[in-house]
Structures are given as structure tokens and as C-alpha cells.
PDB file of N, CA and C in Angstrom:
ATOM      1  N   MET A   1      34.425  -0.762 -21.372  1.00  0.00           N
ATOM      2  CA  MET A   1      33.450   0.280 -21.154  1.00  0.00           C
ATOM      3  C   MET A   1      32.240  -0.398 -21.150  1.00  0.00           C
ATOM      4  N   LEU A   2      31.912  -1.318 -21.789  1.00  0.00           N
ATOM      5  CA  LEU A   2      30.259  -1.781 -22.001  1.00  0.00           C
ATOM      6  C   LEU A   2      30.102  -2.408 -20.457  1.00  0.00           C
ATOM      7  N   VAL A   3      30.832  -2.993 -19.841  1.00  0.00           N
ATOM      8  CA  VAL A   3      30.555  -3.294 -18.619  1.00  0.00           C
ATOM      9  C   VAL A   3      30.476  -2.180 -17.610  1.00  0.00           C
ATOM     10  N   VAL A   4      31.081  -1.358 -17.602  1.00  0.00           N
ATOM     11  CA  VAL A   4      30.923  -0.104 -16.843  1.00  0.00           C
ATOM     12  C   VAL A   4      29.537   0.584 -16.897  1.00  0.00           C
ATOM     13  N   ARG A   5      29.004   0.507 -18.061  1.00  0.00           N
ATOM     14  CA  ARG A   5      27.578   0.977 -18.427  1.00  0.00           C
ATOM     15  C   ARG A   5      26.506  -0.249 -17.925  1.00  0.00           C
ATOM     16  N   ILE A   6      26.872  -1.302 -18.171  1.00  0.00           N
ATOM     17  CA  ILE A   6      25.865  -2.324 -17.889  1.00  0.00           C
ATOM     18  C   ILE A   6      25.620  -2.492 -16.147  1.00  0.00           C
ATOM     19  N   LEU A   7      26.586  -2.227 -15.599  1.00  0.00           N
ATOM     20  CA  LEU A   7      26.494  -2.763 -14.047  1.00  0.00           C
ATOM     21  C   LEU A   7      25.539  -1.557 -13.349  1.00  0.00           C
ATOM     22  N   PRO A   8      25.632  -0.336 -13.628  1.00  0.00           N
ATOM     23  CA  PRO A   8      24.761   0.672 -13.026  1.00  0.00           C
ATOM     24  C   PRO A   8      23.350   0.399 -13.394  1.00  0.00           C
ATOM     25  N   ILE A   9      23.233   0.200 -14.582  1.00  0.00           N
ATOM     26  CA  ILE A   9      21.800  -0.146 -15.196  1.00  0.00           C
ATOM     27  C   ILE A   9      21.192  -1.428 -14.652  1.00  0.00           C
ATOM     28  N   MET A  10      21.841  -2.428 -14.235  1.00  0.00           N
ATOM     29  CA  MET A  10      21.608  -3.848 -13.759  1.00  0.00           C
ATOM     30  C   MET A  10      21.198  -3.492 -12.316  1.00  0.00           C
ATOM     31  N   ALA A  11      22.039  -2.659 -11.698  1.00  0.00           N
ATOM     32  CA  ALA A  11      21.761  -2.447 -10.091  1.00  0.00           C
ATOM     33  C   ALA A  11      20.382  -1.296  -9.931  1.00  0.00           C
ATOM     34  N   VAL A  12      20.080  -0.525 -11.004  1.00  0.00           N
ATOM     35  CA  VAL A  12      18.840   0.396 -11.008  1.00  0.00           C
ATOM     36  C   VAL A  12      17.773  -0.818 -11.241  1.00  0.00           C
ATOM     37  N   MET A  13      17.812  -1.817 -12.124  1.00  0.00           N
ATOM     38  CA  MET A  13      16.604  -2.790 -12.369  1.00  0.00           C
ATOM     39  C   MET A  13      16.586  -3.450 -11.116  1.00  0.00           C
ATOM     40  N   ALA A  14      17.714  -4.002 -10.464  1.00  0.00           N
ATOM     41  CA  ALA A  14      17.475  -4.768  -9.218  1.00  0.00           C
ATOM     42  C   ALA A  14      16.677  -3.900  -8.290  1.00  0.00           C
ATOM     43  N   LEU A  15      17.121  -2.896  -7.926  1.00  0.00           N
ATOM     44  CA  LEU A  15      16.473  -1.964  -6.980  1.00  0.00           C
ATOM     45  C   LEU A  15      14.958  -1.726  -7.367  1.00  0.00           C
ATOM     46  N   LEU A  16      14.474  -1.518  -8.568  1.00  0.00           N
ATOM     47  CA  LEU A  16      13.124  -1.396  -8.885  1.00  0.00           C
ATOM     48  C   LEU A  16      12.365  -2.580  -8.787  1.00  0.00           C
ATOM     49  N   ALA A  17      12.932  -3.739  -8.907  1.00  0.00           N
ATOM     50  CA  ALA A  17      12.281  -5.004  -8.633  1.00  0.00           C
ATOM     51  C   ALA A  17      11.902  -5.160  -7.192  1.00  0.00           C
ATOM     52  N   MET A  18      12.970  -4.806  -6.369  1.00  0.00           N
ATOM     53  CA  MET A  18      12.570  -4.849  -4.672  1.00  0.00           C
ATOM     54  C   MET A  18      11.699  -3.827  -4.319  1.00  0.00           C
ATOM     55  N   THR A  19      11.476  -2.948  -5.120  1.00  0.00           N
ATOM     56  CA  THR A  19      10.515  -1.878  -4.750  1.00  0.00           C
ATOM     57  C   THR A  19       9.046  -1.895  -5.224  1.00  0.00           C
ATOM     58  N   ALA A  20       8.827  -2.823  -6.189  1.00  0.00           N
ATOM     59  CA  ALA A  20       7.807  -2.988  -7.007  1.00  0.00           C
ATOM     60  C   ALA A  20       6.568  -3.247  -5.895  1.00  0.00           C
ATOM     61  N   PRO A  21       5.260  -2.403  -6.063  1.00  0.00           N
ATOM     62  CA  PRO A  21       4.491  -2.488  -5.237  1.00  0.00           C
ATOM     63  C   PRO A  21       3.865  -3.794  -5.290  1.00  0.00           C
ATOM     64  N   CYS A  22       3.187  -4.458  -3.972  1.00  0.00           N
ATOM     65  CA  CYS A  22       2.755  -6.017  -3.923  1.00  0.00           C
ATOM     66  C   CYS A  22       1.209  -5.503  -3.865  1.00  0.00           C
ATOM     67  N   SER A  23       0.541  -6.325  -4.425  1.00  0.00           N
ATOM     68  CA  SER A  23      -1.034  -6.396  -4.497  1.00  0.00           C
ATOM     69  C   SER A  23      -1.639  -7.115  -3.134  1.00  0.00           C
ATOM     70  N   ALA A  24      -2.153  -6.160  -2.605  1.00  0.00           N
ATOM     71  CA  ALA A  24      -2.867  -6.698  -1.263  1.00  0.00           C
ATOM     72  C   ALA A  24      -4.016  -7.680  -1.684  1.00  0.00           C
ATOM     73  N   VAL A  25      -4.397  -8.752  -0.992  1.00  0.00           N
ATOM     74  CA  VAL A  25      -5.455  -9.801  -1.250  1.00  0.00           C
ATOM     75  C   VAL A  25      -6.614  -9.874  -0.137  1.00  0.00           C
ATOM     76  N   THR A  26      -7.748 -10.457  -0.549  1.00  0.00           N
ATOM     77  CA  THR A  26      -8.525 -10.602   0.382  1.00  0.00           C
ATOM     78  C   THR A  26      -8.683 -11.989   0.790  1.00  0.00           C
ATOM     79  N   ILE A  27      -8.457 -12.758   1.971  1.00  0.00           N
ATOM     80  CA  ILE A  27      -8.655 -14.045   2.203  1.00  0.00           C
ATOM     81  C   ILE A  27     -10.076 -14.011   2.898  1.00  0.00           C
ATOM     82  N   ALA A  28     -10.619 -14.972   2.457  1.00  0.00           N
ATOM     83  CA  ALA A  28     -12.047 -15.566   3.314  1.00  0.00           C
ATOM     84  C   ALA A  28     -12.049 -16.574   4.132  1.00  0.00           C
ATOM     85  N   ILE A  29     -12.302 -16.307   5.142  1.00  0.00           N
ATOM     86  CA  ILE A  29     -12.462 -17.633   6.292  1.00  0.00           C
ATOM     87  C   ILE A  29     -13.877 -17.895   6.572  1.00  0.00           C
ATOM     88  N   VAL A  30     -14.276 -18.846   6.417  1.00  0.00           N
ATOM     89  CA  VAL A  30     -15.865 -19.304   6.666  1.00  0.00           C
ATOM     90  C   VAL A  30     -15.971 -20.010   7.800  1.00  0.00           C
ATOM     91  N   MET A  31     -16.950 -19.899   8.644  1.00  0.00           N
ATOM     92  CA  MET A  31     -17.346 -20.510  10.066  1.00  0.00           C
ATOM     93  C   MET A  31     -18.675 -21.026   9.459  1.00  0.00           C
ATOM     94  N   GLN A  32     -18.873 -22.366   9.316  1.00  0.00           N
ATOM     95  CA  GLN A  32     -19.909 -23.119   9.113  1.00  0.00           C
ATOM     96  C   GLN A  32     -20.003 -24.275   9.719  1.00  0.00           C
ATOM     97  N   ASN A  33     -21.151 -24.801  10.463  1.00  0.00           N
ATOM     98  CA  ASN A  33     -21.152 -26.006  11.059  1.00  0.00           C
ATOM     99  C   ASN A  33     -20.277 -26.263  12.105  1.00  0.00           C
ATOM    100  N   LEU A  34     -19.903 -25.057  12.804  1.00  0.00           N
ATOM    101  CA  LEU A  34     -19.023 -24.936  14.057  1.00  0.00           C
ATOM    102  C   LEU A  34     -17.402 -25.592  13.615  1.00  0.00           C
ATOM    103  N   VAL A  35     -17.215 -25.160  12.233  1.00  0.00           N
ATOM    104  CA  VAL A  35     -15.836 -25.421  11.626  1.00  0.00           C
ATOM    105  C   VAL A  35     -15.419 -24.207  11.107  1.00  0.00           C
ATOM    106  N   ILE A  36     -14.144 -24.163  10.989  1.00  0.00           N
ATOM    107  CA  ILE A  36     -13.516 -22.901  10.560  1.00  0.00           C
ATOM    108  C   ILE A  36     -12.775 -23.269   9.337  1.00  0.00           C
ATOM    109  N   THR A  37     -13.062 -22.711   8.202  1.00  0.00           N
ATOM    110  CA  THR A  37     -12.133 -23.203   6.865  1.00  0.00           C
ATOM    111  C   THR A  37     -11.671 -22.008   6.503  1.00  0.00           C
ATOM    112  N   PRO A  38     -10.611 -21.855   5.936  1.00  0.00           N
ATOM    113  CA  PRO A  38      -9.502 -22.794   6.140  1.00  0.00           C
ATOM    114  C   PRO A  38      -9.073 -22.717   7.609  1.00  0.00           C
ATOM    115  N   ALA A  39      -8.307 -23.677   8.142  1.00  0.00           N
ATOM    116  CA  ALA A  39      -7.995 -23.569   9.445  1.00  0.00           C
ATOM    117  C   ALA A  39      -6.661 -22.837   9.678  1.00  0.00           C
ATOM    118  N   GLU A  40      -5.895 -22.661   8.769  1.00  0.00           N
ATOM    119  CA  GLU A  40      -4.723 -21.571   8.923  1.00  0.00           C
ATOM    120  C   GLU A  40      -4.514 -21.041   7.578  1.00  0.00           C
ATOM    121  N   VAL A  41      -4.086 -19.777   7.804  1.00  0.00           N
ATOM    122  CA  VAL A  41      -4.026 -18.914   6.430  1.00  0.00           C
ATOM    123  C   VAL A  41      -2.789 -18.125   6.937  1.00  0.00           C
ATOM    124  N   SER A  42      -2.012 -17.749   5.740  1.00  0.00           N
ATOM    125  CA  SER A  42      -0.766 -16.760   5.727  1.00  0.00           C
ATOM    126  C   SER A  42      -1.161 -15.438   5.344  1.00  0.00           C
ATOM    127  N   ALA A  43      -1.238 -14.504   5.825  1.00  0.00           N
ATOM    128  CA  ALA A  43      -1.461 -13.156   5.487  1.00  0.00           C
ATOM    129  C   ALA A  43      -0.307 -12.208   5.561  1.00  0.00           C
ATOM    130  N   LYS A  44      -0.192 -11.217   4.621  1.00  0.00           N
ATOM    131  CA  LYS A  44       0.693 -10.278   4.538  1.00  0.00           C
ATOM    132  C   LYS A  44       0.272  -8.753   5.015  1.00  0.00           C
ATOM    133  N   VAL A  45       1.061  -8.092   5.350  1.00  0.00           N
ATOM    134  CA  VAL A  45       0.725  -6.824   5.715  1.00  0.00           C
ATOM    135  C   VAL A  45      -0.029  -5.924   4.626  1.00  0.00           C
ATOM    136  N   GLY A  46      -1.229  -5.462   4.781  1.00  0.00           N
ATOM    137  CA  GLY A  46      -2.026  -4.824   3.742  1.00  0.00           C
ATOM    138  C   GLY A  46      -3.002  -5.887   3.408  1.00  0.00           C
ATOM    139  N   ASP A  47      -2.539  -6.968   3.425  1.00  0.00           N
ATOM    140  CA  ASP A  47      -3.942  -8.020   3.076  1.00  0.00           C
ATOM    141  C   ASP A  47      -5.436  -7.564   3.917  1.00  0.00           C
ATOM    142  N   THR A  48      -6.563  -7.961   3.494  1.00  0.00           N
ATOM    143  CA  THR A  48      -7.499  -8.167   4.490  1.00  0.00           C
ATOM    144  C   THR A  48      -8.164  -9.629   4.575  1.00  0.00           C
ATOM    145  N   ILE A  49      -8.681  -9.926   5.661  1.00  0.00           N
ATOM    146  CA  ILE A  49      -9.230 -11.116   6.266  1.00  0.00           C
ATOM    147  C   ILE A  49     -10.842 -10.767   6.233  1.00  0.00           C
ATOM    148  N   GLU A  50     -11.376 -11.533   5.686  1.00  0.00           N
ATOM    149  CA  GLU A  50     -12.866 -11.410   5.579  1.00  0.00           C
ATOM    150  C   GLU A  50     -13.410 -12.713   6.350  1.00  0.00           C
ATOM    151  N   TRP A  51     -14.109 -12.563   7.172  1.00  0.00           N
ATOM    152  CA  TRP A  51     -14.374 -13.525   8.241  1.00  0.00           C
ATOM    153  C   TRP A  51     -16.214 -13.617   7.860  1.00  0.00           C
ATOM    154  N   ILE A  52     -16.426 -15.014   7.216  1.00  0.00           N
ATOM    155  CA  ILE A  52     -17.951 -15.021   7.103  1.00  0.00           C
ATOM    156  C   ILE A  52     -18.564 -16.228   8.076  1.00  0.00           C
ATOM    157  N   ASN A  53     -19.634 -15.758   8.759  1.00  0.00           N
ATOM    158  CA  ASN A  53     -20.288 -16.481   9.666  1.00  0.00           C
ATOM    159  C   ASN A  53     -21.522 -17.112   9.068  1.00  0.00           C
ATOM    160  N   LYS A  54     -21.502 -18.367   8.873  1.00  0.00           N
ATOM    161  CA  LYS A  54     -22.474 -18.978   8.199  1.00  0.00           C
ATOM    162  C   LYS A  54     -23.498 -19.865   9.231  1.00  0.00           C
ATOM    163  N   ASP A  55     -22.745 -19.963  10.630  1.00  0.00           N
ATOM    164  CA  ASP A  55     -23.550 -20.560  11.637  1.00  0.00           C
ATOM    165  C   ASP A  55     -24.621 -19.874  11.894  1.00  0.00           C
ATOM    166  N   VAL A  56     -25.609 -20.463  13.026  1.00  0.00           N
ATOM    167  CA  VAL A  56     -26.611 -19.939  13.678  1.00  0.00           C
ATOM    168  C   VAL A  56     -26.200 -19.131  15.253  1.00  0.00           C
ATOM    169  N   VAL A  57     -24.843 -19.393  15.429  1.00  0.00           N
ATOM    170  CA  VAL A  57     -24.149 -18.779  16.761  1.00  0.00           C
ATOM    171  C   VAL A  57     -23.219 -17.834  16.444  1.00  0.00           C
ATOM    172  N   ALA A  58     -23.232 -16.844  17.147  1.00  0.00           N
ATOM    173  CA  ALA A  58     -22.000 -15.680  17.163  1.00  0.00           C
ATOM    174  C   ALA A  58     -20.710 -16.219  17.143  1.00  0.00           C
ATOM    175  N   HIS A  59     -19.857 -15.653  16.782  1.00  0.00           N
ATOM    176  CA  HIS A  59     -18.305 -15.960  16.674  1.00  0.00           C
ATOM    177  C   HIS A  59     -17.479 -14.790  16.773  1.00  0.00           C
ATOM    178  N   THR A  60     -16.266 -15.029  17.307  1.00  0.00           N
ATOM    179  CA  THR A  60     -15.225 -13.928  17.399  1.00  0.00           C
ATOM    180  C   THR A  60     -14.154 -14.128  16.681  1.00  0.00           C
ATOM    181  N   ALA A  61     -13.439 -13.098  16.175  1.00  0.00           N
ATOM    182  CA  ALA A  61     -12.090 -13.502  15.820  1.00  0.00           C
ATOM    183  C   ALA A  61     -11.084 -12.449  16.276  1.00  0.00           C
ATOM    184  N   THR A  62     -10.227 -12.803  17.168  1.00  0.00           N
ATOM    185  CA  THR A  62      -9.383 -11.988  18.067  1.00  0.00           C
ATOM    186  C   THR A  62      -7.953 -12.037  17.856  1.00  0.00           C
ATOM    187  N   ALA A  63      -7.263 -11.254  17.713  1.00  0.00           N
ATOM    188  CA  ALA A  63      -5.569 -11.403  17.485  1.00  0.00           C
ATOM    189  C   ALA A  63      -5.220 -11.669  19.043  1.00  0.00           C
ATOM    190  N   GLN A  64      -4.454 -12.838  18.915  1.00  0.00           N
ATOM    191  CA  GLN A  64      -3.855 -13.110  20.310  1.00  0.00           C
ATOM    192  C   GLN A  64      -2.766 -12.073  20.614  1.00  0.00           C
ATOM    193  N   GLN A  65      -1.648 -11.729  19.755  1.00  0.00           N
ATOM    194  CA  GLN A  65      -0.804 -10.681  19.880  1.00  0.00           C
ATOM    195  C   GLN A  65      -1.014  -9.258  19.771  1.00  0.00           C
ATOM    196  N   GLY A  66      -0.906  -8.303  20.558  1.00  0.00           N
ATOM    197  CA  GLY A  66      -1.041  -6.835  20.356  1.00  0.00           C
ATOM    198  C   GLY A  66      -2.640  -6.448  19.962  1.00  0.00           C
ATOM    199  N   GLY A  67      -3.669  -7.544  20.336  1.00  0.00           N
ATOM    200  CA  GLY A  67      -4.799  -6.953  19.864  1.00  0.00           C
ATOM    201  C   GLY A  67      -5.136  -6.000  18.656  1.00  0.00           C
ATOM    202  N   ALA A  68      -4.592  -6.639  17.624  1.00  0.00           N
ATOM    203  CA  ALA A  68      -4.477  -6.172  16.279  1.00  0.00           C
ATOM    204  C   ALA A  68      -6.013  -5.925  15.598  1.00  0.00           C
ATOM    205  N   PHE A  69      -6.847  -6.712  15.927  1.00  0.00           N
ATOM    206  CA  PHE A  69      -8.241  -7.009  15.685  1.00  0.00           C
ATOM    207  C   PHE A  69      -9.072  -7.621  16.592  1.00  0.00           C
ATOM    208  N   ASP A  70     -10.315  -7.368  16.598  1.00  0.00           N
ATOM    209  CA  ASP A  70     -11.282  -8.053  17.416  1.00  0.00           C
ATOM    210  C   ASP A  70     -12.634  -7.901  16.620  1.00  0.00           C
ATOM    211  N   VAL A  71     -13.149  -8.813  15.893  1.00  0.00           N
ATOM    212  CA  VAL A  71     -14.399  -8.791  15.264  1.00  0.00           C
ATOM    213  C   VAL A  71     -15.057  -9.871  15.788  1.00  0.00           C
ATOM    214  N   MET A  72     -16.449  -9.173  16.052  1.00  0.00           N
ATOM    215  CA  MET A  72     -17.532  -9.642  16.457  1.00  0.00           C
ATOM    216  C   MET A  72     -18.491 -10.152  15.429  1.00  0.00           C
ATOM    217  N   LEU A  73     -18.890 -11.477  15.290  1.00  0.00           N
ATOM    218  CA  LEU A  73     -19.718 -11.907  14.019  1.00  0.00           C
ATOM    219  C   LEU A  73     -21.056 -12.595  14.427  1.00  0.00           C
ATOM    220  N   PRO A  74     -22.133 -11.802  14.158  1.00  0.00           N
ATOM    221  CA  PRO A  74     -23.267 -12.251  14.665  1.00  0.00           C
ATOM    222  C   PRO A  74     -23.675 -13.542  13.720  1.00  0.00           C
ATOM    223  N   ALA A  75     -24.457 -14.413  13.954  1.00  0.00           N
ATOM    224  CA  ALA A  75     -24.923 -15.476  13.233  1.00  0.00           C
ATOM    225  C   ALA A  75     -25.379 -14.926  11.815  1.00  0.00           C
ATOM    226  N   GLY A  76     -24.877 -15.627  10.771  1.00  0.00           N
ATOM    227  CA  GLY A  76     -25.302 -15.243   9.520  1.00  0.00           C
ATOM    228  C   GLY A  76     -24.740 -13.970   8.967  1.00  0.00           C
ATOM    229  N   LYS A  77     -23.800 -13.425   9.517  1.00  0.00           N
ATOM    230  CA  LYS A  77     -23.107 -12.040   9.189  1.00  0.00           C
ATOM    231  C   LYS A  77     -21.604 -12.084   8.761  1.00  0.00           C
ATOM    232  N   SER A  78     -21.065 -11.161   8.225  1.00  0.00           N
ATOM    233  CA  SER A  78     -19.520 -10.988   7.709  1.00  0.00           C
ATOM    234  C   SER A  78     -18.945  -9.833   8.519  1.00  0.00           C
ATOM    235  N   GLY A  79     -17.557  -9.911   8.629  1.00  0.00           N
ATOM    236  CA  GLY A  79     -16.815  -8.992   8.955  1.00  0.00           C
ATOM    237  C   GLY A  79     -15.513  -9.171   8.498  1.00  0.00           C
ATOM    238  N   ALA A  80     -14.834  -8.052   8.646  1.00  0.00           N
ATOM    239  CA  ALA A  80     -13.237  -7.747   8.034  1.00  0.00           C
ATOM    240  C   ALA A  80     -12.395  -7.275   9.061  1.00  0.00           C
ATOM    241  N   SER A  81     -11.216  -7.749   8.839  1.00  0.00           N
ATOM    242  CA  SER A  81     -10.022  -6.989   9.471  1.00  0.00           C
ATOM    243  C   SER A  81      -8.920  -6.869   8.566  1.00  0.00           C
ATOM    244  N   SER A  82      -8.247  -5.910   8.557  1.00  0.00           N
ATOM    245  CA  SER A  82      -6.940  -5.496   7.560  1.00  0.00           C
ATOM    246  C   SER A  82      -5.835  -5.397   8.657  1.00  0.00           C
TER     247      SER A  82
END
């Protein structure tokens, strides 16, 4: 009888664990001395990428697939995409 009560409770707990909201993060990418750091990042849906241009020339950040973002970064400025 105890097993019959525990199984539904465990199922509900597992479902709640899978649907818990994830926290979005901001990932900073810096362009300085014509070097982009970090060179690779992993982002999840909902995360924000902050592009920081510390160079004296303009840069762009453009999604290669689907055109999800296209950020123009003048010298010494920042921009973001989500």
C-alpha cells in the first residue's frame, strides 16, 4: 500500500524537476586588439550575448544561420543580442 502512494509522489516530483525554470545568463564577448575572447561560447535559448568592442575599429556580430541577430559595434561601444 505504501508503494502505491510513493510512486505517484515520485512521478510528480520528477515532473516538477524537469519543468523548473532555468535562469538566463549574460555572456560577455570582448573584442580587443583585433582578438575576440572567448573564441567559442555555448548559449541557451533565453541567454543574452553582450558584445564589447574595445578596439579602435568597428566590428559586426552576425548569425550565420537564420539571421537571428546582426549587431553593429562601433569602436569603443557595446551591443547585445538575445
